[in-house]
Amino acid sequence: MLVPIAAAVAGMYFAGRNAPKTKFQKMKCLGPRTGAIYDVELVPKVGIVLVHAVDGTVGVFQQNDKGRFMWLRGNGSVDTAKGMRLDLEP
């Protein structure tokens, strides 16, 4: 009985060692201008936002000093990326 308990404790220790150090938040976002629904991952300490559209397009935005988001890069449909920029940039 002691061996399975020791194995479980060792497994928890080694699993926690590879956990990411930076916390991020996952949420859904409704685009105010396009009306599209995006899956958004926010990394608050870094100021990066990853926006995932339904068609697979991904956009990366960075938060500036004023709290606004600026486009860094994207991958996927050009039209969807333009919509993301309309929704998140001022």
N, C-alpha and C. Protein backbone atom coordinates (compact mmCIF):
# COMPACT_ATOMS: atom_id res chain seq x y z
N MET A 1 0.81 -1.19 0.00
CA MET A 1 0.00 0.00 0.00
C MET A 1 0.86 1.26 0.00
N LEU A 2 2.03 1.17 0.56
CA LEU A 2 2.91 2.33 0.64
C LEU A 2 3.50 2.69 -0.72
N VAL A 3 3.73 1.72 -1.58
CA VAL A 3 4.33 1.97 -2.90
C VAL A 3 3.40 2.80 -3.78
N PRO A 4 2.09 2.52 -3.90
CA PRO A 4 1.22 3.37 -4.72
C PRO A 4 1.12 4.80 -4.20
N ILE A 5 1.13 4.97 -2.89
CA ILE A 5 1.07 6.32 -2.32
C ILE A 5 2.35 7.08 -2.65
N ALA A 6 3.50 6.44 -2.51
CA ALA A 6 4.77 7.09 -2.84
C ALA A 6 4.82 7.43 -4.33
N ALA A 7 4.30 6.55 -5.17
CA ALA A 7 4.28 6.82 -6.61
C ALA A 7 3.36 8.00 -6.93
N ALA A 8 2.23 8.10 -6.25
CA ALA A 8 1.30 9.21 -6.47
C ALA A 8 1.93 10.54 -6.05
N VAL A 9 2.61 10.55 -4.92
CA VAL A 9 3.27 11.78 -4.44
C VAL A 9 4.39 12.18 -5.40
N ALA A 10 5.16 11.22 -5.88
CA ALA A 10 6.24 11.52 -6.84
C ALA A 10 5.65 12.04 -8.15
N GLY A 11 4.55 11.47 -8.59
CA GLY A 11 3.89 11.93 -9.82
C GLY A 11 3.39 13.36 -9.70
N MET A 12 2.81 13.71 -8.55
CA MET A 12 2.35 15.08 -8.34
C MET A 12 3.52 16.05 -8.33
N TYR A 13 4.63 15.65 -7.75
CA TYR A 13 5.81 16.50 -7.70
C TYR A 13 6.35 16.76 -9.11
N PHE A 14 6.52 15.70 -9.89
CA PHE A 14 7.08 15.87 -11.23
C PHE A 14 6.11 16.55 -12.19
N ALA A 15 4.83 16.38 -12.00
CA ALA A 15 3.84 17.05 -12.86
C ALA A 15 3.83 18.55 -12.58
N GLY A 16 4.03 18.95 -11.35
CA GLY A 16 4.03 20.37 -11.00
C GLY A 16 5.28 21.10 -11.45
N ARG A 17 6.35 20.38 -11.69
CA ARG A 17 7.60 21.03 -12.10
C ARG A 17 7.51 21.63 -13.49
N ASN A 18 6.71 21.05 -14.37
CA ASN A 18 6.62 21.54 -15.74
C ASN A 18 5.43 22.46 -15.97
N ALA A 19 4.78 22.90 -14.93
CA ALA A 19 3.63 23.79 -15.07
C ALA A 19 4.10 25.16 -15.55
N PRO A 20 3.31 25.84 -16.38
CA PRO A 20 3.70 27.16 -16.86
C PRO A 20 3.77 28.17 -15.71
N LYS A 21 4.74 29.05 -15.77
CA LYS A 21 4.93 30.05 -14.73
C LYS A 21 4.01 31.25 -14.93
N THR A 22 3.66 31.55 -16.18
CA THR A 22 2.82 32.68 -16.50
C THR A 22 1.37 32.24 -16.53
N LYS A 23 0.53 32.91 -15.79
CA LYS A 23 -0.89 32.60 -15.77
C LYS A 23 -1.58 33.34 -16.92
N PHE A 24 -2.60 32.72 -17.49
CA PHE A 24 -3.38 33.39 -18.51
C PHE A 24 -4.85 33.09 -18.30
N GLN A 25 -5.68 33.95 -18.87
CA GLN A 25 -7.12 33.82 -18.71
C GLN A 25 -7.73 33.48 -20.07
N LYS A 26 -8.65 32.52 -20.07
CA LYS A 26 -9.38 32.17 -21.29
C LYS A 26 -10.79 32.72 -21.15
N MET A 27 -11.29 33.31 -22.23
CA MET A 27 -12.64 33.85 -22.21
C MET A 27 -13.19 33.93 -23.62
N LYS A 28 -14.46 34.22 -23.75
CA LYS A 28 -15.11 34.47 -25.03
C LYS A 28 -15.32 35.97 -25.14
N CYS A 29 -15.23 36.47 -26.37
CA CYS A 29 -15.36 37.91 -26.60
C CYS A 29 -16.27 38.13 -27.80
N LEU A 30 -17.17 39.08 -27.69
CA LEU A 30 -18.03 39.47 -28.79
C LEU A 30 -17.47 40.73 -29.40
N GLY A 31 -17.15 40.69 -30.70
CA GLY A 31 -16.60 41.86 -31.38
C GLY A 31 -17.65 42.95 -31.48
N PRO A 32 -17.37 44.16 -30.99
CA PRO A 32 -18.38 45.21 -30.97
C PRO A 32 -18.73 45.74 -32.36
N ARG A 33 -17.82 45.67 -33.30
CA ARG A 33 -18.08 46.22 -34.63
C ARG A 33 -18.53 45.14 -35.62
N THR A 34 -17.95 43.96 -35.55
CA THR A 34 -18.28 42.90 -36.50
C THR A 34 -19.34 41.94 -35.98
N GLY A 35 -19.48 41.83 -34.68
CA GLY A 35 -20.44 40.90 -34.08
C GLY A 35 -19.93 39.47 -34.03
N ALA A 36 -18.66 39.25 -34.39
CA ALA A 36 -18.09 37.90 -34.35
C ALA A 36 -17.75 37.51 -32.92
N ILE A 37 -17.81 36.22 -32.64
CA ILE A 37 -17.46 35.70 -31.32
C ILE A 37 -16.08 35.06 -31.41
N TYR A 38 -15.18 35.49 -30.53
CA TYR A 38 -13.80 35.01 -30.54
C TYR A 38 -13.49 34.29 -29.23
N ASP A 39 -12.60 33.31 -29.30
CA ASP A 39 -11.98 32.74 -28.11
C ASP A 39 -10.73 33.56 -27.84
N VAL A 40 -10.61 34.09 -26.64
CA VAL A 40 -9.52 35.01 -26.32
C VAL A 40 -8.70 34.44 -25.17
N GLU A 41 -7.38 34.51 -25.31
CA GLU A 41 -6.46 34.15 -24.23
C GLU A 41 -5.68 35.41 -23.86
N LEU A 42 -5.81 35.84 -22.63
CA LEU A 42 -5.18 37.06 -22.14
C LEU A 42 -4.04 36.69 -21.19
N VAL A 43 -2.85 37.22 -21.46
CA VAL A 43 -1.70 37.03 -20.57
C VAL A 43 -1.46 38.39 -19.92
N PRO A 44 -1.99 38.62 -18.71
CA PRO A 44 -1.96 39.96 -18.12
C PRO A 44 -0.57 40.50 -17.81
N LYS A 45 0.34 39.66 -17.33
CA LYS A 45 1.66 40.16 -16.95
C LYS A 45 2.47 40.60 -18.16
N VAL A 46 2.24 39.98 -19.29
CA VAL A 46 3.00 40.30 -20.51
C VAL A 46 2.27 41.34 -21.34
N GLY A 47 0.94 41.40 -21.23
CA GLY A 47 0.15 42.34 -22.02
C GLY A 47 -0.11 41.84 -23.43
N ILE A 48 -0.22 40.53 -23.60
CA ILE A 48 -0.46 39.93 -24.91
C ILE A 48 -1.86 39.32 -24.92
N VAL A 49 -2.55 39.47 -26.05
CA VAL A 49 -3.86 38.87 -26.24
C VAL A 49 -3.82 38.02 -27.50
N LEU A 50 -4.20 36.75 -27.38
CA LEU A 50 -4.33 35.84 -28.52
C LEU A 50 -5.80 35.70 -28.83
N VAL A 51 -6.18 36.01 -30.05
CA VAL A 51 -7.58 35.97 -30.46
C VAL A 51 -7.75 34.87 -31.49
N HIS A 52 -8.66 33.91 -31.21
CA HIS A 52 -8.92 32.78 -32.10
C HIS A 52 -10.32 32.94 -32.67
N ALA A 53 -10.42 32.99 -34.00
CA ALA A 53 -11.72 33.06 -34.66
C ALA A 53 -12.25 31.65 -34.93
N VAL A 54 -13.51 31.57 -35.29
CA VAL A 54 -14.15 30.28 -35.55
C VAL A 54 -13.52 29.57 -36.75
N ASP A 55 -13.09 30.34 -37.76
CA ASP A 55 -12.52 29.73 -38.97
C ASP A 55 -11.06 29.35 -38.83
N GLY A 56 -10.47 29.50 -37.64
CA GLY A 56 -9.09 29.10 -37.41
C GLY A 56 -8.09 30.23 -37.49
N THR A 57 -8.53 31.42 -37.81
CA THR A 57 -7.63 32.57 -37.86
C THR A 57 -7.22 32.97 -36.45
N VAL A 58 -5.94 33.26 -36.29
CA VAL A 58 -5.39 33.65 -34.99
C VAL A 58 -4.74 35.02 -35.13
N GLY A 59 -5.05 35.91 -34.21
CA GLY A 59 -4.44 37.23 -34.18
C GLY A 59 -3.75 37.46 -32.85
N VAL A 60 -2.62 38.17 -32.89
CA VAL A 60 -1.86 38.47 -31.67
C VAL A 60 -1.83 39.99 -31.51
N PHE A 61 -2.27 40.45 -30.36
CA PHE A 61 -2.29 41.87 -30.05
C PHE A 61 -1.47 42.12 -28.80
N GLN A 62 -0.88 43.32 -28.71
CA GLN A 62 -0.13 43.71 -27.52
C GLN A 62 -0.75 44.96 -26.93
N GLN A 63 -0.85 44.98 -25.60
CA GLN A 63 -1.43 46.12 -24.91
C GLN A 63 -0.36 47.19 -24.70
N ASN A 64 -0.69 48.44 -25.06
CA ASN A 64 0.27 49.52 -24.87
C ASN A 64 0.04 50.20 -23.53
N ASP A 65 0.75 51.30 -23.27
CA ASP A 65 0.69 51.98 -21.98
C ASP A 65 -0.69 52.57 -21.68
N LYS A 66 -1.43 52.93 -22.71
CA LYS A 66 -2.75 53.52 -22.53
C LYS A 66 -3.85 52.49 -22.35
N GLY A 67 -3.50 51.21 -22.40
CA GLY A 67 -4.49 50.16 -22.23
C GLY A 67 -5.15 49.73 -23.52
N ARG A 68 -4.69 50.24 -24.64
CA ARG A 68 -5.25 49.86 -25.94
C ARG A 68 -4.43 48.75 -26.56
N PHE A 69 -5.07 48.02 -27.46
CA PHE A 69 -4.40 46.89 -28.09
C PHE A 69 -3.93 47.25 -29.49
N MET A 70 -2.70 46.81 -29.81
CA MET A 70 -2.12 47.05 -31.12
C MET A 70 -1.82 45.71 -31.78
N TRP A 71 -2.09 45.61 -33.07
CA TRP A 71 -1.88 44.39 -33.85
C TRP A 71 -0.40 44.08 -33.96
N LEU A 72 -0.02 42.84 -33.67
CA LEU A 72 1.35 42.40 -33.86
C LEU A 72 1.47 41.52 -35.10
N ARG A 73 0.67 40.45 -35.14
CA ARG A 73 0.69 39.54 -36.29
C ARG A 73 -0.52 38.63 -36.24
N GLY A 74 -0.72 37.93 -37.35
CA GLY A 74 -1.84 37.02 -37.42
C GLY A 74 -1.56 35.92 -38.42
N ASN A 75 -2.43 34.91 -38.40
CA ASN A 75 -2.29 33.78 -39.29
C ASN A 75 -3.68 33.29 -39.66
N GLY A 76 -3.96 33.18 -40.95
CA GLY A 76 -5.26 32.70 -41.40
C GLY A 76 -5.87 33.61 -42.43
N SER A 77 -7.19 33.73 -42.40
CA SER A 77 -7.94 34.51 -43.37
C SER A 77 -7.67 36.01 -43.21
N VAL A 78 -7.42 36.67 -44.33
CA VAL A 78 -7.13 38.10 -44.29
C VAL A 78 -8.37 38.89 -43.89
N ASP A 79 -9.53 38.49 -44.39
CA ASP A 79 -10.77 39.20 -44.05
C ASP A 79 -11.11 39.08 -42.56
N THR A 80 -10.92 37.91 -42.00
CA THR A 80 -11.18 37.72 -40.57
C THR A 80 -10.18 38.52 -39.74
N ALA A 81 -8.93 38.56 -40.17
CA ALA A 81 -7.92 39.34 -39.45
C ALA A 81 -8.26 40.83 -39.48
N LYS A 82 -8.78 41.31 -40.60
CA LYS A 82 -9.22 42.72 -40.66
C LYS A 82 -10.36 42.98 -39.68
N GLY A 83 -11.27 42.01 -39.56
CA GLY A 83 -12.35 42.15 -38.60
C GLY A 83 -11.85 42.17 -37.16
N MET A 84 -10.86 41.35 -36.87
CA MET A 84 -10.26 41.36 -35.52
C MET A 84 -9.65 42.72 -35.22
N ARG A 85 -8.95 43.27 -36.21
CA ARG A 85 -8.33 44.58 -36.00
C ARG A 85 -9.39 45.66 -35.78
N LEU A 86 -10.49 45.57 -36.52
CA LEU A 86 -11.58 46.54 -36.32
C LEU A 86 -12.16 46.43 -34.91
N ASP A 87 -12.28 45.21 -34.41
CA ASP A 87 -12.87 45.01 -33.10
C ASP A 87 -11.97 45.42 -31.94
N LEU A 88 -10.67 45.20 -32.05
CA LEU A 88 -9.78 45.41 -30.90
C LEU A 88 -8.96 46.69 -30.95
N GLU A 89 -8.63 47.17 -32.13
CA GLU A 89 -7.84 48.40 -32.21
C GLU A 89 -8.76 49.62 -32.11
N PRO A 90 -8.23 50.73 -31.60
CA PRO A 90 -9.07 51.94 -31.47
C PRO A 90 -9.42 52.56 -32.79
